[in-house]
PDB file of all heavy atoms in Angstrom:
ATOM      1  N   LYS A   1     -11.248 -25.852  41.308  1.00  0.00           N
ATOM      2  CA  LYS A   1     -12.167 -26.286  40.222  1.00  0.00           C
ATOM      3  C   LYS A   1     -12.150 -25.306  39.102  1.00  0.00           C
ATOM      4  O   LYS A   1     -12.027 -25.622  37.952  1.00  0.00           O
ATOM      5  CB  LYS A   1     -13.539 -26.504  40.826  1.00  0.00           C
ATOM      6  CG  LYS A   1     -14.511 -27.088  39.796  1.00  0.00           C
ATOM      7  CD  LYS A   1     -15.882 -27.351  40.541  1.00  0.00           C
ATOM      8  CE  LYS A   1     -16.879 -27.805  39.479  1.00  0.00           C
ATOM      9  NZ  LYS A   1     -17.883 -26.830  39.079  1.00  0.00           N
ATOM     10  N   ASP A   2     -12.179 -23.994  39.477  1.00  0.00           N
ATOM     11  CA  ASP A   2     -12.191 -22.929  38.432  1.00  0.00           C
ATOM     12  C   ASP A   2     -10.857 -22.930  37.703  1.00  0.00           C
ATOM     13  O   ASP A   2     -10.789 -22.777  36.440  1.00  0.00           O
ATOM     14  CB  ASP A   2     -12.395 -21.571  39.089  1.00  0.00           C
ATOM     15  CG  ASP A   2     -13.813 -21.362  39.636  1.00  0.00           C
ATOM     16  OD1 ASP A   2     -14.666 -22.193  39.189  1.00  0.00           O
ATOM     17  OD2 ASP A   2     -14.082 -20.438  40.310  1.00  0.00           O
ATOM     18  N   GLN A   3      -9.762 -23.046  38.441  1.00  0.00           N
ATOM     19  CA  GLN A   3      -8.453 -23.108  37.869  1.00  0.00           C
ATOM     20  C   GLN A   3      -8.308 -24.262  36.872  1.00  0.00           C
ATOM     21  O   GLN A   3      -7.811 -24.210  35.734  1.00  0.00           O
ATOM     22  CB  GLN A   3      -7.346 -23.286  38.944  1.00  0.00           C
ATOM     23  CG  GLN A   3      -7.030 -21.918  39.566  1.00  0.00           C
ATOM     24  CD  GLN A   3      -5.936 -22.046  40.576  1.00  0.00           C
ATOM     25  OE1 GLN A   3      -5.474 -23.197  40.974  1.00  0.00           O
ATOM     26  NE2 GLN A   3      -5.501 -20.880  41.101  1.00  0.00           N
ATOM     27  N   ALA A   4      -8.813 -25.429  37.266  1.00  0.00           N
ATOM     28  CA  ALA A   4      -8.727 -26.623  36.548  1.00  0.00           C
ATOM     29  C   ALA A   4      -9.530 -26.433  35.218  1.00  0.00           C
ATOM     30  O   ALA A   4      -9.167 -26.822  34.196  1.00  0.00           O
ATOM     31  CB  ALA A   4      -9.270 -27.867  37.312  1.00  0.00           C
ATOM     32  N   GLU A   5     -10.752 -25.966  35.343  1.00  0.00           N
ATOM     33  CA  GLU A   5     -11.630 -25.685  34.216  1.00  0.00           C
ATOM     34  C   GLU A   5     -10.948 -24.694  33.259  1.00  0.00           C
ATOM     35  O   GLU A   5     -10.943 -24.859  32.071  1.00  0.00           O
ATOM     36  CB  GLU A   5     -12.978 -25.167  34.634  1.00  0.00           C
ATOM     37  CG  GLU A   5     -13.895 -26.278  35.261  1.00  0.00           C
ATOM     38  CD  GLU A   5     -15.239 -25.728  35.757  1.00  0.00           C
ATOM     39  OE1 GLU A   5     -15.418 -24.492  35.711  1.00  0.00           O
ATOM     40  OE2 GLU A   5     -16.023 -26.551  36.165  1.00  0.00           O
ATOM     41  N   GLY A   6     -10.381 -23.614  33.941  1.00  0.00           N
ATOM     42  CA  GLY A   6      -9.683 -22.607  33.048  1.00  0.00           C
ATOM     43  C   GLY A   6      -8.519 -23.244  32.315  1.00  0.00           C
ATOM     44  O   GLY A   6      -8.311 -23.028  31.028  1.00  0.00           O
ATOM     45  N   ALA A   7      -7.707 -24.115  32.952  1.00  0.00           N
ATOM     46  CA  ALA A   7      -6.672 -24.817  32.335  1.00  0.00           C
ATOM     47  C   ALA A   7      -7.096 -25.678  31.160  1.00  0.00           C
ATOM     48  O   ALA A   7      -6.493 -25.773  30.142  1.00  0.00           O
ATOM     49  CB  ALA A   7      -5.828 -25.511  33.333  1.00  0.00           C
ATOM     50  N   ALA A   8      -8.181 -26.420  31.451  1.00  0.00           N
ATOM     51  CA  ALA A   8      -8.725 -27.334  30.462  1.00  0.00           C
ATOM     52  C   ALA A   8      -9.189 -26.552  29.234  1.00  0.00           C
ATOM     53  O   ALA A   8      -8.954 -26.955  28.108  1.00  0.00           O
ATOM     54  CB  ALA A   8      -9.906 -28.129  31.086  1.00  0.00           C
ATOM     55  N   LYS A   9      -9.815 -25.332  29.414  1.00  0.00           N
ATOM     56  CA  LYS A   9     -10.243 -24.586  28.348  1.00  0.00           C
ATOM     57  C   LYS A   9      -9.080 -23.997  27.565  1.00  0.00           C
ATOM     58  O   LYS A   9      -9.161 -24.045  26.334  1.00  0.00           O
ATOM     59  CB  LYS A   9     -11.186 -23.391  28.838  1.00  0.00           C
ATOM     60  CG  LYS A   9     -12.560 -23.907  29.217  1.00  0.00           C
ATOM     61  CD  LYS A   9     -13.392 -22.752  29.807  1.00  0.00           C
ATOM     62  CE  LYS A   9     -14.773 -23.167  30.237  1.00  0.00           C
ATOM     63  NZ  LYS A   9     -15.497 -22.113  30.907  1.00  0.00           N
ATOM     64  N   ASP A  10      -8.113 -23.595  28.286  1.00  0.00           N
ATOM     65  CA  ASP A  10      -6.915 -23.076  27.582  1.00  0.00           C
ATOM     66  C   ASP A  10      -6.209 -24.165  26.784  1.00  0.00           C
ATOM     67  O   ASP A  10      -5.836 -23.928  25.641  1.00  0.00           O
ATOM     68  CB  ASP A  10      -5.880 -22.536  28.650  1.00  0.00           C
ATOM     69  CG  ASP A  10      -6.320 -21.266  29.307  1.00  0.00           C
ATOM     70  OD1 ASP A  10      -7.290 -20.539  28.728  1.00  0.00           O
ATOM     71  OD2 ASP A  10      -5.643 -20.868  30.239  1.00  0.00           O
ATOM     72  N   ALA A  11      -6.165 -25.414  27.414  1.00  0.00           N
ATOM     73  CA  ALA A  11      -5.548 -26.488  26.601  1.00  0.00           C
ATOM     74  C   ALA A  11      -6.340 -26.758  25.328  1.00  0.00           C
ATOM     75  O   ALA A  11      -5.768 -27.088  24.267  1.00  0.00           O
ATOM     76  CB  ALA A  11      -5.446 -27.726  27.551  1.00  0.00           C
ATOM     77  N   ALA A  12      -7.667 -26.802  25.517  1.00  0.00           N
ATOM     78  CA  ALA A  12      -8.570 -27.075  24.390  1.00  0.00           C
ATOM     79  C   ALA A  12      -8.329 -26.030  23.295  1.00  0.00           C
ATOM     80  O   ALA A  12      -8.264 -26.400  22.072  1.00  0.00           O
ATOM     81  CB  ALA A  12      -9.997 -27.202  24.865  1.00  0.00           C
ATOM     82  N   ASN A  13      -8.335 -24.751  23.687  1.00  0.00           N
ATOM     83  CA  ASN A  13      -8.161 -23.741  22.676  1.00  0.00           C
ATOM     84  C   ASN A  13      -6.789 -23.788  22.021  1.00  0.00           C
ATOM     85  O   ASN A  13      -6.695 -23.602  20.849  1.00  0.00           O
ATOM     86  CB  ASN A  13      -8.264 -22.257  23.426  1.00  0.00           C
ATOM     87  CG  ASN A  13      -9.611 -22.045  23.852  1.00  0.00           C
ATOM     88  OD1 ASN A  13     -10.604 -22.551  23.369  1.00  0.00           O
ATOM     89  ND2 ASN A  13      -9.806 -21.094  24.820  1.00  0.00           N
ATOM     90  N   THR A  14      -5.718 -24.086  22.809  1.00  0.00           N
ATOM     91  CA  THR A  14      -4.398 -24.318  22.224  1.00  0.00           C
ATOM     92  C   THR A  14      -4.422 -25.483  21.220  1.00  0.00           C
ATOM     93  O   THR A  14      -3.866 -25.267  20.136  1.00  0.00           O
ATOM     94  CB  THR A  14      -3.381 -24.538  23.420  1.00  0.00           C
ATOM     95  OG1 THR A  14      -3.411 -23.326  24.236  1.00  0.00           O
ATOM     96  CG2 THR A  14      -1.924 -24.677  22.751  1.00  0.00           C
ATOM     97  N   LEU A  15      -4.982 -26.489  21.664  1.00  0.00           N
ATOM     98  CA  LEU A  15      -5.035 -27.777  20.820  1.00  0.00           C
ATOM     99  C   LEU A  15      -5.883 -27.460  19.462  1.00  0.00           C
ATOM    100  O   LEU A  15      -5.456 -27.736  18.417  1.00  0.00           O
ATOM    101  CB  LEU A  15      -5.684 -28.905  21.585  1.00  0.00           C
ATOM    102  CG  LEU A  15      -5.863 -30.196  20.743  1.00  0.00           C
ATOM    103  CD1 LEU A  15      -4.472 -30.700  20.340  1.00  0.00           C
ATOM    104  CD2 LEU A  15      -6.600 -31.267  21.490  1.00  0.00           C
ATOM    105  N   GLY A  16      -6.940 -26.738  19.717  1.00  0.00           N
ATOM    106  CA  GLY A  16      -7.812 -26.377  18.500  1.00  0.00           C
ATOM    107  C   GLY A  16      -7.067 -25.471  17.520  1.00  0.00           C
ATOM    108  O   GLY A  16      -7.086 -25.682  16.298  1.00  0.00           O
ATOM    109  N   LYS A  17      -6.272 -24.503  18.105  1.00  0.00           N
ATOM    110  CA  LYS A  17      -5.524 -23.637  17.253  1.00  0.00           C
ATOM    111  C   LYS A  17      -4.419 -24.339  16.566  1.00  0.00           C
ATOM    112  O   LYS A  17      -4.199 -24.240  15.358  1.00  0.00           O
ATOM    113  CB  LYS A  17      -4.914 -22.501  18.091  1.00  0.00           C
ATOM    114  CG  LYS A  17      -4.152 -21.487  17.193  1.00  0.00           C
ATOM    115  CD  LYS A  17      -3.785 -20.248  17.943  1.00  0.00           C
ATOM    116  CE  LYS A  17      -2.977 -19.194  17.138  1.00  0.00           C
ATOM    117  NZ  LYS A  17      -2.577 -19.589  15.856  1.00  0.00           N
ATOM    118  N   ALA A  18      -3.710 -25.270  17.258  1.00  0.00           N
ATOM    119  CA  ALA A  18      -2.598 -26.042  16.722  1.00  0.00           C
ATOM    120  C   ALA A  18      -3.189 -26.952  15.554  1.00  0.00           C
ATOM    121  O   ALA A  18      -2.513 -27.082  14.505  1.00  0.00           O
ATOM    122  CB  ALA A  18      -2.035 -26.932  17.774  1.00  0.00           C
ATOM    123  N   THR A  19      -4.364 -27.506  15.819  1.00  0.00           N
ATOM    124  CA  THR A  19      -5.000 -28.333  14.810  1.00  0.00           C
ATOM    125  C   THR A  19      -5.382 -27.501  13.641  1.00  0.00           C
ATOM    126  O   THR A  19      -5.097 -27.979  12.465  1.00  0.00           O
ATOM    127  CB  THR A  19      -6.249 -29.068  15.411  1.00  0.00           C
ATOM    128  OG1 THR A  19      -5.921 -29.820  16.575  1.00  0.00           O
ATOM    129  CG2 THR A  19      -6.893 -29.989  14.432  1.00  0.00           C
ATOM    130  N   GLN A  20      -5.870 -26.366  13.847  1.00  0.00           N
ATOM    131  CA  GLN A  20      -6.267 -25.523  12.666  1.00  0.00           C
ATOM    132  C   GLN A  20      -5.035 -25.104  11.880  1.00  0.00           C
ATOM    133  O   GLN A  20      -5.021 -25.091  10.645  1.00  0.00           O
ATOM    134  CB  GLN A  20      -7.042 -24.273  13.205  1.00  0.00           C
ATOM    135  CG  GLN A  20      -7.609 -23.414  12.126  1.00  0.00           C
ATOM    136  CD  GLN A  20      -8.598 -24.240  11.234  1.00  0.00           C
ATOM    137  OE1 GLN A  20      -9.486 -24.861  11.708  1.00  0.00           O
ATOM    138  NE2 GLN A  20      -8.439 -24.168   9.948  1.00  0.00           N
ATOM    139  N   ASP A  21      -3.996 -24.763  12.616  1.00  0.00           N
ATOM    140  CA  ASP A  21      -2.780 -24.364  11.911  1.00  0.00           C
ATOM    141  C   ASP A  21      -2.269 -25.521  11.060  1.00  0.00           C
ATOM    142  O   ASP A  21      -1.770 -25.385   9.951  1.00  0.00           O
ATOM    143  CB  ASP A  21      -1.697 -23.988  12.892  1.00  0.00           C
ATOM    144  CG  ASP A  21      -1.992 -22.568  13.691  1.00  0.00           C
ATOM    145  OD1 ASP A  21      -2.868 -21.894  13.125  1.00  0.00           O
ATOM    146  OD2 ASP A  21      -1.304 -22.301  14.602  1.00  0.00           O
ATOM    147  N   ALA A  22      -2.298 -26.741  11.690  1.00  0.00           N
ATOM    148  CA  ALA A  22      -1.835 -27.944  10.924  1.00  0.00           C
ATOM    149  C   ALA A  22      -2.670 -28.158   9.666  1.00  0.00           C
ATOM    150  O   ALA A  22      -2.126 -28.470   8.584  1.00  0.00           O
ATOM    151  CB  ALA A  22      -1.806 -29.121  11.757  1.00  0.00           C
ATOM    152  N   VAL A  23      -3.993 -28.024   9.759  1.00  0.00           N
ATOM    153  CA  VAL A  23      -4.905 -28.156   8.713  1.00  0.00           C
ATOM    154  C   VAL A  23      -4.629 -27.093   7.601  1.00  0.00           C
ATOM    155  O   VAL A  23      -4.531 -27.384   6.404  1.00  0.00           O
ATOM    156  CB  VAL A  23      -6.347 -28.076   9.128  1.00  0.00           C
ATOM    157  CG1 VAL A  23      -7.296 -27.973   7.948  1.00  0.00           C
ATOM    158  CG2 VAL A  23      -6.745 -29.228   9.970  1.00  0.00           C
ATOM    159  N   ASN A  24      -4.312 -25.877   8.057  1.00  0.00           N
ATOM    160  CA  ASN A  24      -4.083 -24.748   7.169  1.00  0.00           C
ATOM    161  C   ASN A  24      -2.728 -25.075   6.397  1.00  0.00           C
ATOM    162  O   ASN A  24      -2.662 -24.868   5.160  1.00  0.00           O
ATOM    163  CB  ASN A  24      -3.886 -23.434   7.903  1.00  0.00           C
ATOM    164  CG  ASN A  24      -5.250 -22.945   8.333  1.00  0.00           C
ATOM    165  OD1 ASN A  24      -6.313 -23.415   7.906  1.00  0.00           O
ATOM    166  ND2 ASN A  24      -5.218 -22.001   9.193  1.00  0.00           N
ATOM    167  N   GLN A  25      -1.770 -25.670   7.108  1.00  0.00           N
ATOM    168  CA  GLN A  25      -0.378 -25.927   6.500  1.00  0.00           C
ATOM    169  C   GLN A  25      -0.635 -27.078   5.443  1.00  0.00           C
ATOM    170  O   GLN A  25      -0.121 -27.035   4.351  1.00  0.00           O
ATOM    171  CB  GLN A  25       0.575 -26.327   7.497  1.00  0.00           C
ATOM    172  CG  GLN A  25       1.123 -25.123   8.267  1.00  0.00           C
ATOM    173  CD  GLN A  25       2.007 -25.526   9.425  1.00  0.00           C
ATOM    174  OE1 GLN A  25       2.417 -26.691   9.553  1.00  0.00           O
ATOM    175  NE2 GLN A  25       2.522 -24.523  10.134  1.00  0.00           N
ATOM    176  N   ILE A  26      -1.295 -28.064   5.786  1.00  0.00           N
ATOM    177  CA  ILE A  26      -1.603 -29.281   4.941  1.00  0.00           C
ATOM    178  C   ILE A  26      -2.307 -28.695   3.701  1.00  0.00           C
ATOM    179  O   ILE A  26      -2.014 -29.051   2.548  1.00  0.00           O
ATOM    180  CB  ILE A  26      -2.419 -30.347   5.583  1.00  0.00           C
ATOM    181  CG1 ILE A  26      -1.528 -30.967   6.665  1.00  0.00           C
ATOM    182  CG2 ILE A  26      -2.908 -31.349   4.709  1.00  0.00           C
ATOM    183  CD1 ILE A  26      -2.209 -31.795   7.698  1.00  0.00           C
ATOM    184  N   THR A  27      -3.420 -27.903   3.875  1.00  0.00           N
ATOM    185  CA  THR A  27      -4.155 -27.377   2.768  1.00  0.00           C
ATOM    186  C   THR A  27      -3.296 -26.537   1.891  1.00  0.00           C
ATOM    187  O   THR A  27      -3.381 -26.702   0.606  1.00  0.00           O
ATOM    188  CB  THR A  27      -5.350 -26.485   3.290  1.00  0.00           C
ATOM    189  OG1 THR A  27      -6.164 -27.291   4.235  1.00  0.00           O
ATOM    190  CG2 THR A  27      -6.209 -25.963   2.171  1.00  0.00           C
ATOM    191  N   ASP A  28      -2.495 -25.656   2.435  1.00  0.00           N
ATOM    192  CA  ASP A  28      -1.554 -24.847   1.656  1.00  0.00           C
ATOM    193  C   ASP A  28      -0.602 -25.680   0.903  1.00  0.00           C
ATOM    194  O   ASP A  28      -0.353 -25.423  -0.310  1.00  0.00           O
ATOM    195  CB  ASP A  28      -0.826 -23.922   2.609  1.00  0.00           C
ATOM    196  CG  ASP A  28      -0.048 -22.843   1.944  1.00  0.00           C
ATOM    197  OD1 ASP A  28      -0.594 -22.215   0.979  1.00  0.00           O
ATOM    198  OD2 ASP A  28       1.112 -22.608   2.229  1.00  0.00           O
ATOM    199  N   ALA A  29      -0.068 -26.670   1.518  1.00  0.00           N
ATOM    200  CA  ALA A  29       0.913 -27.584   0.887  1.00  0.00           C
ATOM    201  C   ALA A  29       0.227 -28.335  -0.255  1.00  0.00           C
ATOM    202  O   ALA A  29       0.844 -28.528  -1.335  1.00  0.00           O
ATOM    203  CB  ALA A  29       1.545 -28.606   1.795  1.00  0.00           C
ATOM    204  N   SER A  30      -0.976 -28.791  -0.056  1.00  0.00           N
ATOM    205  CA  SER A  30      -1.719 -29.519  -1.082  1.00  0.00           C
ATOM    206  C   SER A  30      -1.938 -28.604  -2.287  1.00  0.00           C
ATOM    207  O   SER A  30      -1.840 -29.014  -3.403  1.00  0.00           O
ATOM    208  CB  SER A  30      -2.981 -30.027  -0.538  1.00  0.00           C
ATOM    209  OG  SER A  30      -2.768 -30.952   0.513  1.00  0.00           O
ATOM    210  N   GLN A  31      -2.390 -27.353  -1.985  1.00  0.00           N
ATOM    211  CA  GLN A  31      -2.683 -26.462  -3.061  1.00  0.00           C
ATOM    212  C   GLN A  31      -1.478 -26.107  -3.874  1.00  0.00           C
ATOM    213  O   GLN A  31      -1.474 -26.070  -5.075  1.00  0.00           O
ATOM    214  CB  GLN A  31      -3.270 -25.045  -2.449  1.00  0.00           C
ATOM    215  CG  GLN A  31      -3.849 -24.183  -3.459  1.00  0.00           C
ATOM    216  CD  GLN A  31      -4.908 -24.763  -4.335  1.00  0.00           C
ATOM    217  OE1 GLN A  31      -5.856 -25.344  -3.871  1.00  0.00           O
ATOM    218  NE2 GLN A  31      -4.690 -24.742  -5.709  1.00  0.00           N
ATOM    219  N   LYS A  32      -0.297 -26.011  -3.178  1.00  0.00           N
ATOM    220  CA  LYS A  32       1.022 -25.759  -3.925  1.00  0.00           C
ATOM    221  C   LYS A  32       1.394 -26.962  -4.806  1.00  0.00           C
ATOM    222  O   LYS A  32       1.831 -26.769  -5.948  1.00  0.00           O
ATOM    223  CB  LYS A  32       2.105 -25.398  -2.919  1.00  0.00           C
ATOM    224  CG  LYS A  32       1.992 -24.055  -2.289  1.00  0.00           C
ATOM    225  CD  LYS A  32       3.179 -23.815  -1.331  1.00  0.00           C
ATOM    226  CE  LYS A  32       2.989 -22.396  -0.749  1.00  0.00           C
ATOM    227  NZ  LYS A  32       3.844 -22.074   0.280  1.00  0.00           N
ATOM    228  N   ALA A  33       1.146 -28.119  -4.249  1.00  0.00           N
ATOM    229  CA  ALA A  33       1.379 -29.405  -5.009  1.00  0.00           C
ATOM    230  C   ALA A  33       0.493 -29.461  -6.252  1.00  0.00           C
ATOM    231  O   ALA A  33       0.909 -29.746  -7.376  1.00  0.00           O
ATOM    232  CB  ALA A  33       1.223 -30.627  -4.160  1.00  0.00           C
ATOM    233  N   ILE A  34      -0.742 -29.081  -6.065  1.00  0.00           N
ATOM    234  CA  ILE A  34      -1.739 -29.181  -7.183  1.00  0.00           C
ATOM    235  C   ILE A  34      -1.352 -28.052  -8.290  1.00  0.00           C
ATOM    236  O   ILE A  34      -1.339 -28.347  -9.462  1.00  0.00           O
ATOM    237  CB  ILE A  34      -3.169 -28.814  -6.640  1.00  0.00           C
ATOM    238  CG1 ILE A  34      -3.619 -30.097  -5.839  1.00  0.00           C
ATOM    239  CG2 ILE A  34      -4.130 -28.580  -7.854  1.00  0.00           C
ATOM    240  CD1 ILE A  34      -4.916 -29.877  -5.016  1.00  0.00           C
ATOM    241  N   ASP A  35      -0.951 -26.883  -7.777  1.00  0.00           N
ATOM    242  CA  ASP A  35      -0.588 -25.835  -8.645  1.00  0.00           C
ATOM    243  C   ASP A  35       0.655 -26.156  -9.478  1.00  0.00           C
ATOM    244  O   ASP A  35       0.693 -25.993 -10.656  1.00  0.00           O
ATOM    245  CB  ASP A  35      -0.260 -24.522  -7.890  1.00  0.00           C
ATOM    246  CG  ASP A  35      -1.550 -23.878  -7.344  1.00  0.00           C
ATOM    247  OD1 ASP A  35      -2.623 -24.307  -7.681  1.00  0.00           O
ATOM    248  OD2 ASP A  35      -1.335 -22.966  -6.456  1.00  0.00           O
ATOM    249  N   LYS A  36       1.598 -26.840  -8.724  1.00  0.00           N
ATOM    250  CA  LYS A  36       2.842 -27.259  -9.484  1.00  0.00           C
ATOM    251  C   LYS A  36       2.578 -28.330 -10.476  1.00  0.00           C
ATOM    252  O   LYS A  36       3.099 -28.353 -11.551  1.00  0.00           O
ATOM    253  CB  LYS A  36       3.783 -27.801  -8.384  1.00  0.00           C
ATOM    254  CG  LYS A  36       5.231 -27.946  -8.853  1.00  0.00           C
ATOM    255  CD  LYS A  36       6.171 -28.339  -7.749  1.00  0.00           C
ATOM    256  CE  LYS A  36       7.588 -28.475  -8.186  1.00  0.00           C
ATOM    257  NZ  LYS A  36       8.456 -28.809  -7.087  1.00  0.00           N
ATOM    258  N   ALA A  37       1.790 -29.321 -10.105  1.00  0.00           N
ATOM    259  CA  ALA A  37       1.383 -30.427 -10.989  1.00  0.00           C
ATOM    260  C   ALA A  37       0.559 -29.792 -12.277  1.00  0.00           C
ATOM    261  O   ALA A  37       0.876 -30.191 -13.383  1.00  0.00           O
ATOM    262  CB  ALA A  37       0.546 -31.443 -10.347  1.00  0.00           C
ATOM    263  N   SER A  38      -0.277 -28.901 -11.976  1.00  0.00           N
ATOM    264  CA  SER A  38      -1.031 -28.290 -13.066  1.00  0.00           C
ATOM    265  C   SER A  38      -0.175 -27.549 -13.998  1.00  0.00           C
ATOM    266  O   SER A  38      -0.315 -27.612 -15.257  1.00  0.00           O
ATOM    267  CB  SER A  38      -2.083 -27.357 -12.564  1.00  0.00           C
ATOM    268  OG  SER A  38      -3.022 -27.983 -11.737  1.00  0.00           O
ATOM    269  N   LYS A  39       0.856 -26.786 -13.361  1.00  0.00           N
ATOM    270  CA  LYS A  39       1.799 -26.029 -14.257  1.00  0.00           C
ATOM    271  C   LYS A  39       2.673 -26.994 -15.076  1.00  0.00           C
ATOM    272  O   LYS A  39       2.877 -26.735 -16.271  1.00  0.00           O
ATOM    273  CB  LYS A  39       2.637 -25.161 -13.362  1.00  0.00           C
ATOM    274  CG  LYS A  39       3.548 -24.232 -14.126  1.00  0.00           C
ATOM    275  CD  LYS A  39       4.305 -23.257 -13.081  1.00  0.00           C
ATOM    276  CE  LYS A  39       5.043 -22.231 -13.925  1.00  0.00           C
ATOM    277  NZ  LYS A  39       6.442 -22.438 -13.965  1.00  0.00           N
ATOM    278  N   ALA A  40       3.120 -28.056 -14.408  1.00  0.00           N
ATOM    279  CA  ALA A  40       3.966 -29.002 -15.203  1.00  0.00           C
ATOM    280  C   ALA A  40       3.122 -29.656 -16.287  1.00  0.00           C
ATOM    281  O   ALA A  40       3.639 -29.897 -17.423  1.00  0.00           O
ATOM    282  CB  ALA A  40       4.413 -30.116 -14.232  1.00  0.00           C
ATOM    283  N   ALA A  41       1.854 -30.022 -16.008  1.00  0.00           N
ATOM    284  CA  ALA A  41       1.005 -30.568 -17.009  1.00  0.00           C
ATOM    285  C   ALA A  41       0.767 -29.647 -18.219  1.00  0.00           C
ATOM    286  O   ALA A  41       0.861 -29.983 -19.346  1.00  0.00           O
ATOM    287  CB  ALA A  41      -0.372 -30.934 -16.536  1.00  0.00           C
ATOM    288  N   GLN A  42       0.555 -28.310 -17.837  1.00  0.00           N
ATOM    289  CA  GLN A  42       0.295 -27.312 -18.849  1.00  0.00           C
ATOM    290  C   GLN A  42       1.592 -27.112 -19.765  1.00  0.00           C
ATOM    291  O   GLN A  42       1.538 -27.056 -20.949  1.00  0.00           O
ATOM    292  CB  GLN A  42      -0.051 -25.968 -18.199  1.00  0.00           C
ATOM    293  CG  GLN A  42      -0.328 -24.812 -19.209  1.00  0.00           C
ATOM    294  CD  GLN A  42      -1.501 -25.105 -20.086  1.00  0.00           C
ATOM    295  OE1 GLN A  42      -2.531 -25.755 -19.719  1.00  0.00           O
ATOM    296  NE2 GLN A  42      -1.398 -24.772 -21.350  1.00  0.00           N
ATOM    297  N   GLU A  43       2.820 -27.109 -19.097  1.00  0.00           N
ATOM    298  CA  GLU A  43       3.974 -26.961 -19.830  1.00  0.00           C
ATOM    299  C   GLU A  43       4.223 -28.231 -20.765  1.00  0.00           C
ATOM    300  O   GLU A  43       4.694 -28.047 -21.853  1.00  0.00           O
ATOM    301  CB  GLU A  43       5.158 -26.825 -18.902  1.00  0.00           C
ATOM    302  CG  GLU A  43       5.266 -25.417 -18.242  1.00  0.00           C
ATOM    303  CD  GLU A  43       6.238 -25.297 -17.063  1.00  0.00           C
ATOM    304  OE1 GLU A  43       6.852 -26.319 -16.728  1.00  0.00           O
ATOM    305  OE2 GLU A  43       6.353 -24.180 -16.467  1.00  0.00           O
TER     306      GLU A  43
END
């Protein structure tokens, strides 16, 4: 039971980190796209 709970917590932590990394990548990509569009508009 302890092993299963530990594995479940590890999986949840890994999933949480992967989700956060994906959100960070999407946010970063969105910011770059906005910056690029703003620069093009300014030019």
